[in-house]
C-alpha atoms as a PDB file:
ATOM      1  CA  MET A   1      56.057  25.825  51.338  1.00  0.00           C
ATOM      2  CA  ASP A   2      58.936  27.620  52.916  1.00  0.00           C
ATOM      3  CA  GLY A   3      61.008  27.061  49.746  1.00  0.00           C
ATOM      4  CA  ALA A   4      58.258  28.656  47.647  1.00  0.00           C
ATOM      5  CA  LYS A   5      58.010  31.684  49.886  1.00  0.00           C
ATOM      6  CA  ALA A   6      61.834  32.100  49.714  1.00  0.00           C
ATOM      7  CA  THR A   7      61.605  31.982  45.898  1.00  0.00           C
ATOM      8  CA  ILE A   8      58.843  34.627  45.876  1.00  0.00           C
ATOM      9  CA  ARG A   9      60.967  36.929  48.169  1.00  0.00           C
ATOM     10  CA  ARG A  10      63.982  36.416  46.054  1.00  0.00           C
ATOM     11  CA  LEU A  11      61.915  37.419  42.882  1.00  0.00           C
ATOM     12  CA  GLU A  12      60.708  40.504  44.697  1.00  0.00           C
ATOM     13  CA  ARG A  13      64.234  41.564  45.666  1.00  0.00           C
ATOM     14  CA  ASP A  14      65.649  40.844  42.144  1.00  0.00           C
ATOM     15  CA  PRO A  15      62.801  41.520  39.609  1.00  0.00           C
ATOM     16  CA  LEU A  16      65.309  41.287  36.771  1.00  0.00           C
ATOM     17  CA  SER A  17      66.322  37.638  37.570  1.00  0.00           C
ATOM     18  CA  PRO A  18      66.060  35.194  34.608  1.00  0.00           C
ATOM     19  CA  LEU A  19      62.956  33.668  36.003  1.00  0.00           C
ATOM     20  CA  ALA A  20      61.294  37.078  36.440  1.00  0.00           C
ATOM     21  CA  ARG A  21      62.310  38.137  33.023  1.00  0.00           C
ATOM     22  CA  HIS A  22      60.864  34.944  31.603  1.00  0.00           C
ATOM     23  CA  ALA A  23      57.520  35.434  33.524  1.00  0.00           C
ATOM     24  CA  LEU A  24      57.426  39.089  32.395  1.00  0.00           C
ATOM     25  CA  GLY A  25      58.014  38.147  28.762  1.00  0.00           C
ATOM     26  CA  LEU A  26      55.420  35.459  28.918  1.00  0.00           C
ATOM     27  CA  GLY A  27      52.991  38.002  30.297  1.00  0.00           C
ATOM     28  CA  VAL A  28      53.673  40.499  27.580  1.00  0.00           C
ATOM     29  CA  LEU A  29      53.244  37.696  24.950  1.00  0.00           C
ATOM     30  CA  LEU A  30      49.860  36.657  26.337  1.00  0.00           C
ATOM     31  CA  LEU A  31      48.659  40.260  26.403  1.00  0.00           C
ATOM     32  CA  THR A  32      49.546  40.506  22.756  1.00  0.00           C
ATOM     33  CA  ILE A  33      48.238  37.195  21.480  1.00  0.00           C
ATOM     34  CA  VAL A  34      44.964  36.855  23.425  1.00  0.00           C
ATOM     35  CA  PRO A  35      43.218  40.006  22.133  1.00  0.00           C
ATOM     36  CA  ALA A  36      44.333  39.210  18.497  1.00  0.00           C
ATOM     37  CA  TYR A  37      43.101  35.632  18.881  1.00  0.00           C
ATOM     38  CA  ALA A  38      39.869  36.773  20.373  1.00  0.00           C
ATOM     39  CA  TYR A  39      39.249  39.151  17.435  1.00  0.00           C
ATOM     40  CA  PHE A  40      40.378  37.002  14.474  1.00  0.00           C
ATOM     41  CA  GLY A  41      39.313  33.666  16.072  1.00  0.00           C
ATOM     42  CA  SER A  42      35.789  35.039  16.742  1.00  0.00           C
ATOM     43  CA  ARG A  43      35.507  36.065  12.961  1.00  0.00           C
ATOM     44  CA  THR A  44      36.712  32.648  11.879  1.00  0.00           C
ATOM     45  CA  THR A  45      34.420  30.801  14.186  1.00  0.00           C
ATOM     46  CA  GLN A  46      31.490  32.974  13.158  1.00  0.00           C
ATOM     47  CA  GLN A  47      32.121  32.288   9.466  1.00  0.00           C
ATOM     48  CA  GLU A  48      32.554  28.558  10.121  1.00  0.00           C
ATOM     49  CA  SER A  49      29.323  28.432  12.009  1.00  0.00           C
ATOM     50  CA  GLU A  50      27.602  30.386   9.233  1.00  0.00           C
ATOM     51  CA  ILE A  51      28.868  27.873   6.686  1.00  0.00           C
ATOM     52  CA  MET A  52      27.609  24.944   8.741  1.00  0.00           C
ATOM     53  CA  ARG A  53      24.241  26.563   9.172  1.00  0.00           C
ATOM     54  CA  MET A  54      24.066  27.301   5.540  1.00  0.00           C
ATOM     55  CA  ALA A  55      24.822  23.685   4.623  1.00  0.00           C
ATOM     56  CA  ARG A  56      22.505  22.296   7.171  1.00  0.00           C
ATOM     57  CA  GLU A  57      19.582  24.330   6.208  1.00  0.00           C
ATOM     58  CA  THR A  58      20.146  23.625   2.527  1.00  0.00           C
ATOM     59  CA  VAL A  59      20.354  19.836   3.013  1.00  0.00           C
ATOM     60  CA  GLU A  60      17.276  19.802   5.338  1.00  0.00           C
ATOM     61  CA  ALA A  61      15.298  21.934   2.841  1.00  0.00           C
ATOM     62  CA  THR A  62      16.159  19.751  -0.136  1.00  0.00           C
ATOM     63  CA  ASP A  63      15.604  16.437   1.801  1.00  0.00           C
ATOM     64  CA  SER A  64      19.103  15.373   0.716  1.00  0.00           C
ATOM     65  CA  SER A  65      20.715  12.114   1.622  1.00  0.00           C
ATOM     66  CA  VAL A  66      23.828  14.032   2.729  1.00  0.00           C
ATOM     67  CA  GLU A  67      24.788  13.114   6.308  1.00  0.00           C
ATOM     68  CA  ILE A  68      25.857  15.518   9.014  1.00  0.00           C
ATOM     69  CA  ALA A  69      29.386  13.954   8.963  1.00  0.00           C
ATOM     70  CA  GLU A  70      29.623  14.722   5.315  1.00  0.00           C
ATOM     71  CA  ILE A  71      28.593  18.349   5.965  1.00  0.00           C
ATOM     72  CA  VAL A  72      31.334  18.720   8.612  1.00  0.00           C
ATOM     73  CA  GLU A  73      33.890  17.184   6.190  1.00  0.00           C
ATOM     74  CA  ILE A  74      32.815  19.482   3.481  1.00  0.00           C
ATOM     75  CA  GLU A  75      32.930  22.540   5.634  1.00  0.00           C
ATOM     76  CA  ALA A  76      36.426  21.675   6.710  1.00  0.00           C
ATOM     77  CA  HIS A  77      37.552  21.198   3.136  1.00  0.00           C
ATOM     78  CA  ILE A  78      35.941  24.480   2.112  1.00  0.00           C
ATOM     79  CA  ARG A  79      37.817  26.378   4.903  1.00  0.00           C
ATOM     80  CA  GLU A  80      41.181  24.757   4.293  1.00  0.00           C
ATOM     81  CA  VAL A  81      41.167  25.167   0.478  1.00  0.00           C
ATOM     82  CA  ALA A  82      39.662  28.611   0.457  1.00  0.00           C
ATOM     83  CA  LEU A  83      42.132  30.042   2.829  1.00  0.00           C
ATOM     84  CA  ARG A  84      45.125  28.434   0.990  1.00  0.00           C
ATOM     85  CA  TYR A  85      43.919  30.184  -2.256  1.00  0.00           C
ATOM     86  CA  GLU A  86      43.236  33.445  -0.375  1.00  0.00           C
ATOM     87  CA  ILE A  87      39.477  33.355  -0.996  1.00  0.00           C
ATOM     88  CA  GLN A  88      36.862  33.902   1.639  1.00  0.00           C
ATOM     89  CA  PRO A  89      35.425  30.558   2.650  1.00  0.00           C
ATOM     90  CA  ILE A  90      31.871  31.948   2.836  1.00  0.00           C
ATOM     91  CA  LEU A  91      32.079  32.758  -0.885  1.00  0.00           C
ATOM     92  CA  VAL A  92      33.149  29.177  -1.840  1.00  0.00           C
ATOM     93  CA  ALA A  93      30.389  27.893   0.431  1.00  0.00           C
ATOM     94  CA  ALA A  94      27.772  29.985  -1.271  1.00  0.00           C
ATOM     95  CA  ILE A  95      28.950  28.759  -4.671  1.00  0.00           C
ATOM     96  CA  VAL A  96      28.694  25.145  -3.465  1.00  0.00           C
ATOM     97  CA  GLU A  97      25.105  25.873  -2.236  1.00  0.00           C
ATOM     98  CA  ALA A  98      24.041  27.338  -5.504  1.00  0.00           C
ATOM     99  CA  GLU A  99      25.753  24.671  -7.659  1.00  0.00           C
ATOM    100  CA  SER A 100      25.061  21.383  -5.829  1.00  0.00           C
ATOM    101  CA  GLU A 101      23.129  22.147  -2.619  1.00  0.00           C
ATOM    102  CA  PHE A 102      26.147  20.596  -0.696  1.00  0.00           C
ATOM    103  CA  ASN A 103      25.557  17.211  -2.457  1.00  0.00           C
ATOM    104  CA  PRO A 104      28.991  15.740  -3.418  1.00  0.00           C
ATOM    105  CA  ARG A 105      27.134  13.225  -5.728  1.00  0.00           C
ATOM    106  CA  ALA A 106      25.114  15.872  -7.699  1.00  0.00           C
ATOM    107  CA  VAL A 107      25.090  15.514 -11.436  1.00  0.00           C
ATOM    108  CA  SER A 108      23.541  18.181 -13.722  1.00  0.00           C
ATOM    109  CA  ARG A 109      21.746  17.576 -16.994  1.00  0.00           C
ATOM    110  CA  ARG A 110      24.740  18.912 -18.833  1.00  0.00           C
ATOM    111  CA  GLY A 111      27.119  16.419 -17.107  1.00  0.00           C
ATOM    112  CA  ALA A 112      28.633  18.769 -14.521  1.00  0.00           C
ATOM    113  CA  ARG A 113      29.515  16.787 -11.344  1.00  0.00           C
ATOM    114  CA  GLY A 114      30.164  17.136  -7.628  1.00  0.00           C
ATOM    115  CA  LEU A 115      30.037  19.917  -5.090  1.00  0.00           C
ATOM    116  CA  MET A 116      31.255  22.738  -7.409  1.00  0.00           C
ATOM    117  CA  GLN A 117      29.737  21.225 -10.624  1.00  0.00           C
ATOM    118  CA  LEU A 118      32.833  20.696 -12.660  1.00  0.00           C
ATOM    119  CA  MET A 119      32.378  19.703 -16.342  1.00  0.00           C
ATOM    120  CA  PRO A 120      34.613  16.814 -17.406  1.00  0.00           C
ATOM    121  CA  GLY A 121      36.765  18.969 -19.583  1.00  0.00           C
ATOM    122  CA  THR A 122      37.244  21.633 -16.878  1.00  0.00           C
ATOM    123  CA  ALA A 123      37.948  18.946 -14.285  1.00  0.00           C
ATOM    124  CA  SER A 124      40.611  17.446 -16.569  1.00  0.00           C
ATOM    125  CA  SER A 125      42.276  20.825 -17.071  1.00  0.00           C
ATOM    126  CA  LEU A 126      42.311  21.402 -13.282  1.00  0.00           C
ATOM    127  CA  ARG A 127      43.849  18.004 -12.634  1.00  0.00           C
ATOM    128  CA  VAL A 128      40.802  16.682 -10.905  1.00  0.00           C
ATOM    129  CA  SER A 129      40.608  12.865 -11.421  1.00  0.00           C
ATOM    130  CA  ASP A 130      37.572  12.207  -9.219  1.00  0.00           C
ATOM    131  CA  THR A 131      34.942  14.834  -9.477  1.00  0.00           C
ATOM    132  CA  PHE A 132      32.793  13.012  -6.887  1.00  0.00           C
ATOM    133  CA  ASP A 133      35.544  13.250  -4.266  1.00  0.00           C
ATOM    134  CA  PRO A 134      34.644  16.277  -2.073  1.00  0.00           C
ATOM    135  CA  TYR A 135      38.263  17.377  -1.479  1.00  0.00           C
ATOM    136  CA  GLU A 136      39.318  16.957  -5.185  1.00  0.00           C
ATOM    137  CA  ASN A 137      36.155  18.756  -6.349  1.00  0.00           C
ATOM    138  CA  ILE A 138      36.576  21.695  -3.930  1.00  0.00           C
ATOM    139  CA  GLU A 139      40.336  21.948  -4.746  1.00  0.00           C
ATOM    140  CA  GLY A 140      39.679  22.051  -8.510  1.00  0.00           C
ATOM    141  CA  GLY A 141      36.653  24.462  -8.160  1.00  0.00           C
ATOM    142  CA  VAL A 142      38.484  26.890  -5.933  1.00  0.00           C
ATOM    143  CA  ARG A 143      41.550  26.782  -8.146  1.00  0.00           C
ATOM    144  CA  HIS A 144      39.409  27.666 -11.092  1.00  0.00           C
ATOM    145  CA  LEU A 145      37.667  30.468  -9.029  1.00  0.00           C
ATOM    146  CA  ARG A 146      41.123  31.814  -8.083  1.00  0.00           C
ATOM    147  CA  GLN A 147      42.059  31.940 -11.827  1.00  0.00           C
ATOM    148  CA  LEU A 148      38.839  33.879 -12.502  1.00  0.00           C
ATOM    149  CA  MET A 149      39.497  36.279  -9.699  1.00  0.00           C
ATOM    150  CA  ASP A 150      42.912  36.992 -10.959  1.00  0.00           C
ATOM    151  CA  ARG A 151      41.731  37.298 -14.598  1.00  0.00           C
ATOM    152  CA  TYR A 152      38.886  39.705 -13.774  1.00  0.00           C
ATOM    153  CA  HIS A 153      40.854  41.671 -11.037  1.00  0.00           C
ATOM    154  CA  GLY A 154      38.423  40.527  -8.303  1.00  0.00           C
ATOM    155  CA  ASN A 155      35.265  41.858 -10.002  1.00  0.00           C
ATOM    156  CA  LEU A 156      32.902  39.475  -8.185  1.00  0.00           C
ATOM    157  CA  PRO A 157      29.743  39.836 -10.410  1.00  0.00           C
ATOM    158  CA  VAL A 158      31.893  39.178 -13.497  1.00  0.00           C
ATOM    159  CA  VAL A 159      33.726  36.344 -11.694  1.00  0.00           C
ATOM    160  CA  LEU A 160      30.537  34.723 -10.746  1.00  0.00           C
ATOM    161  CA  ALA A 161      29.073  35.157 -14.241  1.00  0.00           C
ATOM    162  CA  ALA A 162      32.143  33.497 -15.801  1.00  0.00           C
ATOM    163  CA  TYR A 163      31.879  30.568 -13.405  1.00  0.00           C
ATOM    164  CA  ASN A 164      28.169  30.084 -14.320  1.00  0.00           C
ATOM    165  CA  ALA A 165      27.928  31.049 -17.959  1.00  0.00           C
ATOM    166  CA  GLY A 166      31.518  30.631 -19.091  1.00  0.00           C
ATOM    167  CA  GLU A 167      34.284  32.998 -19.935  1.00  0.00           C
ATOM    168  CA  GLN A 168      33.311  33.168 -23.553  1.00  0.00           C
ATOM    169  CA  ALA A 169      29.882  34.514 -22.698  1.00  0.00           C
ATOM    170  CA  VAL A 170      31.531  37.217 -20.425  1.00  0.00           C
ATOM    171  CA  ARG A 171      33.850  38.087 -23.325  1.00  0.00           C
ATOM    172  CA  VAL A 172      31.187  38.359 -25.960  1.00  0.00           C
ATOM    173  CA  TYR A 173      28.992  40.633 -23.783  1.00  0.00           C
ATOM    174  CA  GLY A 174      31.868  42.553 -22.116  1.00  0.00           C
ATOM    175  CA  GLY A 175      30.511  41.779 -18.617  1.00  0.00           C
ATOM    176  CA  VAL A 176      27.621  39.929 -16.980  1.00  0.00           C
ATOM    177  CA  PRO A 177      25.581  38.381 -19.848  1.00  0.00           C
ATOM    178  CA  PRO A 178      21.854  39.126 -20.003  1.00  0.00           C
ATOM    179  CA  TYR A 179      20.938  35.578 -19.156  1.00  0.00           C
ATOM    180  CA  ARG A 180      18.141  35.249 -16.617  1.00  0.00           C
ATOM    181  CA  GLU A 181      19.829  32.157 -15.009  1.00  0.00           C
ATOM    182  CA  THR A 182      23.182  33.954 -14.806  1.00  0.00           C
ATOM    183  CA  ARG A 183      21.572  37.098 -13.249  1.00  0.00           C
ATOM    184  CA  ARG A 184      19.804  35.119 -10.631  1.00  0.00           C
ATOM    185  CA  TYR A 185      22.883  33.080  -9.838  1.00  0.00           C
ATOM    186  CA  VAL A 186      25.116  36.180  -9.391  1.00  0.00           C
ATOM    187  CA  SER A 187      22.453  37.992  -7.434  1.00  0.00           C
ATOM    188  CA  ARG A 188      21.859  34.920  -5.192  1.00  0.00           C
ATOM    189  CA  ILE A 189      25.464  34.387  -4.211  1.00  0.00           C
ATOM    190  CA  LEU A 190      26.197  38.071  -3.668  1.00  0.00           C
ATOM    191  CA  ARG A 191      23.218  38.314  -1.296  1.00  0.00           C
ATOM    192  CA  ARG A 192      24.200  35.093   0.374  1.00  0.00           C
ATOM    193  CA  ILE A 193      27.562  36.439   1.348  1.00  0.00           C
ATOM    194  CA  GLY A 194      26.209  39.687   2.553  1.00  0.00           C
ATOM    195  CA  ARG A 195      27.152  41.800  -0.339  1.00  0.00           C
ATOM    196  CA  PRO A 196      23.819  43.045  -1.913  1.00  0.00           C
ATOM    197  CA  ASP A 197      25.670  46.278  -2.691  1.00  0.00           C
ATOM    198  CA  LEU A 198      27.522  44.457  -5.390  1.00  0.00           C
ATOM    199  CA  VAL A 199      24.459  43.014  -7.139  1.00  0.00           C
ATOM    200  CA  PRO A 200      24.583  44.385 -10.678  1.00  0.00           C
ATOM    201  CA  HIS A 201      22.100  47.097 -11.495  1.00  0.00           C
ATOM    202  CA  ARG A 202      19.209  46.110 -13.780  1.00  0.00           C
ATOM    203  CA  VAL A 203      18.736  48.240 -16.854  1.00  0.00           C
ATOM    204  CA  SER A 204      16.393  46.051 -18.863  1.00  0.00           C
ATOM    205  CA  SER A 205      12.812  45.085 -18.352  1.00  0.00           C
ATOM    206  CA  VAL A 206      11.653  44.613 -14.786  1.00  0.00           C
ATOM    207  CA  ASN A 207       9.956  41.254 -15.333  1.00  0.00           C
ATOM    208  CA  ASP A 208      13.341  39.347 -15.184  1.00  0.00           C
ATOM    209  CA  ARG A 209      13.473  38.388 -18.804  1.00  0.00           C
ATOM    210  CA  VAL A 210      15.421  39.562 -21.797  1.00  0.00           C
ATOM    211  CA  SER A 211      13.560  42.356 -23.515  1.00  0.00           C
ATOM    212  CA  SER A 212      13.647  42.436 -27.360  1.00  0.00           C
ATOM    213  CA  VAL A 213      14.470  46.133 -27.221  1.00  0.00           C
ATOM    214  CA  ASN A 214      16.018  46.982 -23.859  1.00  0.00           C
ATOM    215  CA  ALA A 215      18.233  43.911 -23.328  1.00  0.00           C
ATOM    216  CA  THR A 216      21.776  44.931 -22.508  1.00  0.00           C
ATOM    217  CA  VAL A 217      24.682  43.955 -20.430  1.00  0.00           C
ATOM    218  CA  ILE A 218      24.319  44.588 -16.769  1.00  0.00           C
ATOM    219  CA  PRO A 219      26.736  47.183 -15.478  1.00  0.00           C
ATOM    220  CA  VAL A 220      28.665  46.458 -12.353  1.00  0.00           C
ATOM    221  CA  ALA A 221      27.945  48.203  -9.042  1.00  0.00           C
ATOM    222  CA  THR A 222      31.198  50.011  -7.753  1.00  0.00           C
ATOM    223  CA  SER A 223      30.076  51.325  -4.382  1.00  0.00           C
ATOM    224  CA  ARG A 224      31.193  50.293  -0.844  1.00  0.00           C
ATOM    225  CA  ILE A 225      33.986  47.992  -1.931  1.00  0.00           C
ATOM    226  CA  ASP A 226      36.269  46.310   0.576  1.00  0.00           C
ATOM    227  CA  PRO A 227      39.809  44.987  -0.195  1.00  0.00           C
ATOM    228  CA  GLY A 228      38.550  41.376  -0.180  1.00  0.00           C
ATOM    229  CA  PHE A 229      36.124  41.930  -2.964  1.00  0.00           C
ATOM    230  CA  ALA A 230      37.704  44.669  -5.030  1.00  0.00           C
ATOM    231  CA  LEU A 231      36.146  45.546  -8.408  1.00  0.00           C
ATOM    232  CA  PHE A 232      37.480  46.948 -11.584  1.00  0.00           C
ATOM    233  CA  SER A 233      35.647  49.176 -14.151  1.00  0.00           C
ATOM    234  CA  PRO A 234      33.817  46.990 -16.667  1.00  0.00           C
ATOM    235  CA  PRO A 235      34.758  47.249 -20.367  1.00  0.00           C
ATOM    236  CA  SER A 236      32.514  48.748 -22.963  1.00  0.00           C
ATOM    237  CA  LEU A 237      29.176  47.170 -23.447  1.00  0.00           C
ATOM    238  CA  GLY A 238      28.983  44.313 -25.901  1.00  0.00           C
ATOM    239  CA  PRO A 239      26.396  43.551 -28.578  1.00  0.00           C
ATOM    240  CA  THR A 240      22.773  43.194 -27.665  1.00  0.00           C
ATOM    241  CA  PRO A 241      20.533  40.453 -28.781  1.00  0.00           C
ATOM    242  CA  SER A 242      17.700  41.428 -31.061  1.00  0.00           C
ATOM    243  CA  SER A 243      15.156  39.022 -29.444  1.00  0.00           C
ATOM    244  CA  PRO A 244      14.793  36.457 -26.649  1.00  0.00           C
ATOM    245  CA  ARG A 245      15.171  33.669 -29.303  1.00  0.00           C
ATOM    246  CA  THR A 246      18.384  35.218 -30.525  1.00  0.00           C
ATOM    247  CA  ALA A 247      19.803  35.500 -26.959  1.00  0.00           C
ATOM    248  CA  TRP A 248      18.896  31.831 -26.323  1.00  0.00           C
ATOM    249  CA  ALA A 249      20.518  30.680 -29.603  1.00  0.00           C
ATOM    250  CA  GLU A 250      23.709  32.688 -28.849  1.00  0.00           C
ATOM    251  CA  ARG A 251      23.840  31.041 -25.409  1.00  0.00           C
ATOM    252  CA  GLN A 252      23.448  27.625 -26.823  1.00  0.00           C
ATOM    253  CA  ALA A 253      26.225  28.196 -29.283  1.00  0.00           C
ATOM    254  CA  LEU A 254      28.564  29.633 -26.483  1.00  0.00           C
ATOM    255  CA  GLU A 255      27.750  26.635 -24.162  1.00  0.00           C
ATOM    256  CA  HIS A 256      28.522  24.102 -26.843  1.00  0.00           C
ATOM    257  CA  GLN A 257      31.480  26.098 -28.267  1.00  0.00           C
ATOM    258  CA  VAL A 258      30.120  26.002 -31.782  1.00  0.00           C
ATOM    259  CA  PRO A 259      32.781  27.475 -34.083  1.00  0.00           C
ATOM    260  CA  ALA A 260      31.531  30.024 -36.527  1.00  0.00           C
ATOM    261  CA  LYS A 261      31.605  28.935 -40.208  1.00  0.00           C
ATOM    262  CA  THR A 262      33.854  31.251 -42.096  1.00  0.00           C
ATOM    263  CA  GLU A 263      34.144  29.502 -45.408  1.00  0.00           C
ATOM    264  CA  ARG A 264      31.533  27.884 -47.542  1.00  0.00           C
ATOM    265  CA  LYS A 265      32.412  25.564 -50.417  1.00  0.00           C
ATOM    266  CA  ALA A 266      30.747  26.777 -53.651  1.00  0.00           C
ATOM    267  CA  VAL A 267      28.171  24.346 -54.926  1.00  0.00           C
ATOM    268  CA  ALA A 268      26.652  24.708 -58.374  1.00  0.00           C
ATOM    269  CA  ALA A 269      22.894  25.279 -58.154  1.00  0.00           C
ATOM    270  CA  PRO A 270      20.583  23.447 -60.495  1.00  0.00           C
ATOM    271  CA  ALA A 271      18.981  25.451 -63.162  1.00  0.00           C
ATOM    272  CA  GLU A 272      15.535  24.893 -61.780  1.00  0.00           C
ATOM    273  CA  GLN A 273      14.261  23.793 -58.405  1.00  0.00           C
ATOM    274  CA  SER A 274      10.851  22.727 -57.472  1.00  0.00           C
ATOM    275  CA  ALA A 275       8.862  24.283 -54.614  1.00  0.00           C
ATOM    276  CA  GLY A 276       9.075  21.054 -52.607  1.00  0.00           C
ATOM    277  CA  ALA A 277      12.809  20.845 -53.108  1.00  0.00           C
ATOM    278  CA  ARG A 278      13.219  24.519 -51.971  1.00  0.00           C
ATOM    279  CA  GLU A 279      11.153  23.879 -48.852  1.00  0.00           C
ATOM    280  CA  GLN A 280      13.180  20.765 -47.989  1.00  0.00           C
ATOM    281  CA  SER A 281      16.403  22.749 -48.461  1.00  0.00           C
ATOM    282  CA  TRP A 282      15.224  25.544 -46.222  1.00  0.00           C
ATOM    283  CA  SER A 283      14.087  23.038 -43.572  1.00  0.00           C
ATOM    284  CA  SER A 284      17.527  21.450 -43.597  1.00  0.00           C
ATOM    285  CA  ARG A 285      19.280  24.747 -43.124  1.00  0.00           C
ATOM    286  CA  ALA A 286      16.923  25.700 -40.283  1.00  0.00           C
ATOM    287  CA  ASN A 287      17.811  22.453 -38.487  1.00  0.00           C
ATOM    288  CA  GLY A 288      21.511  23.085 -38.878  1.00  0.00           C
ATOM    289  CA  GLN A 289      22.009  20.374 -41.514  1.00  0.00           C
ATOM    290  CA  GLY A 290      22.762  22.495 -44.452  1.00  0.00           C
ATOM    291  CA  PRO A 291      25.657  24.838 -45.307  1.00  0.00           C
END
């Protein structure tokens, strides 16, 4: 005890001793780090808890077989991969919720698989060997999302539309395509991450379907933009479908990557053709079997 008192008196007499300088430096360091950690740490913790709450509520609402341990693992993967690619984890979580409802074993009718619903061709191009592995799927999906963010300069509505409907659809329409499913998808995710101000304005019919006259590309909202979700001015509007059936057919062609036929081989027509033959020929062309 006497030795400790002597040390304290010595520090008081010589405040610039090595020990005092060390203690003073440590105090300054703590005063610098603690407030910063409290600020950024609270934001990170809040976002993590929001992702966990989102995942738990989704799994409970869908009566999924996903276990709580899987949710914890998925949340950790989302946070780690998203931060590595400089994307907000809550955005990735919202996409996972919309795509697979946090089910790593989800398979769509079109064959998309896993948490971020990667198609086999897309997964292969992203070097994802096991689409049902949560980490591989998130890694590939976030890498694809990062590519879209760079390609469209952070324009979130367009990025989300490209993730949902494909880049070719965005290219054809010069922005968010007028597909009801894509509109709902984009709106759902933007609202889920707390950015309803970025939801594209509606300029077609109010009953949430493609109008035969008013259908058009949805322009992008540009107000109240933060650095994390910067937008760019959308290009000029693309062509508008003439009818709901035309819009559906165009989407099917885009989804299946059907190449346009530019050449037709000349075939000598018979001198006469019966009505039954003409009807059969028309039916074949309507079903995509003829030239």
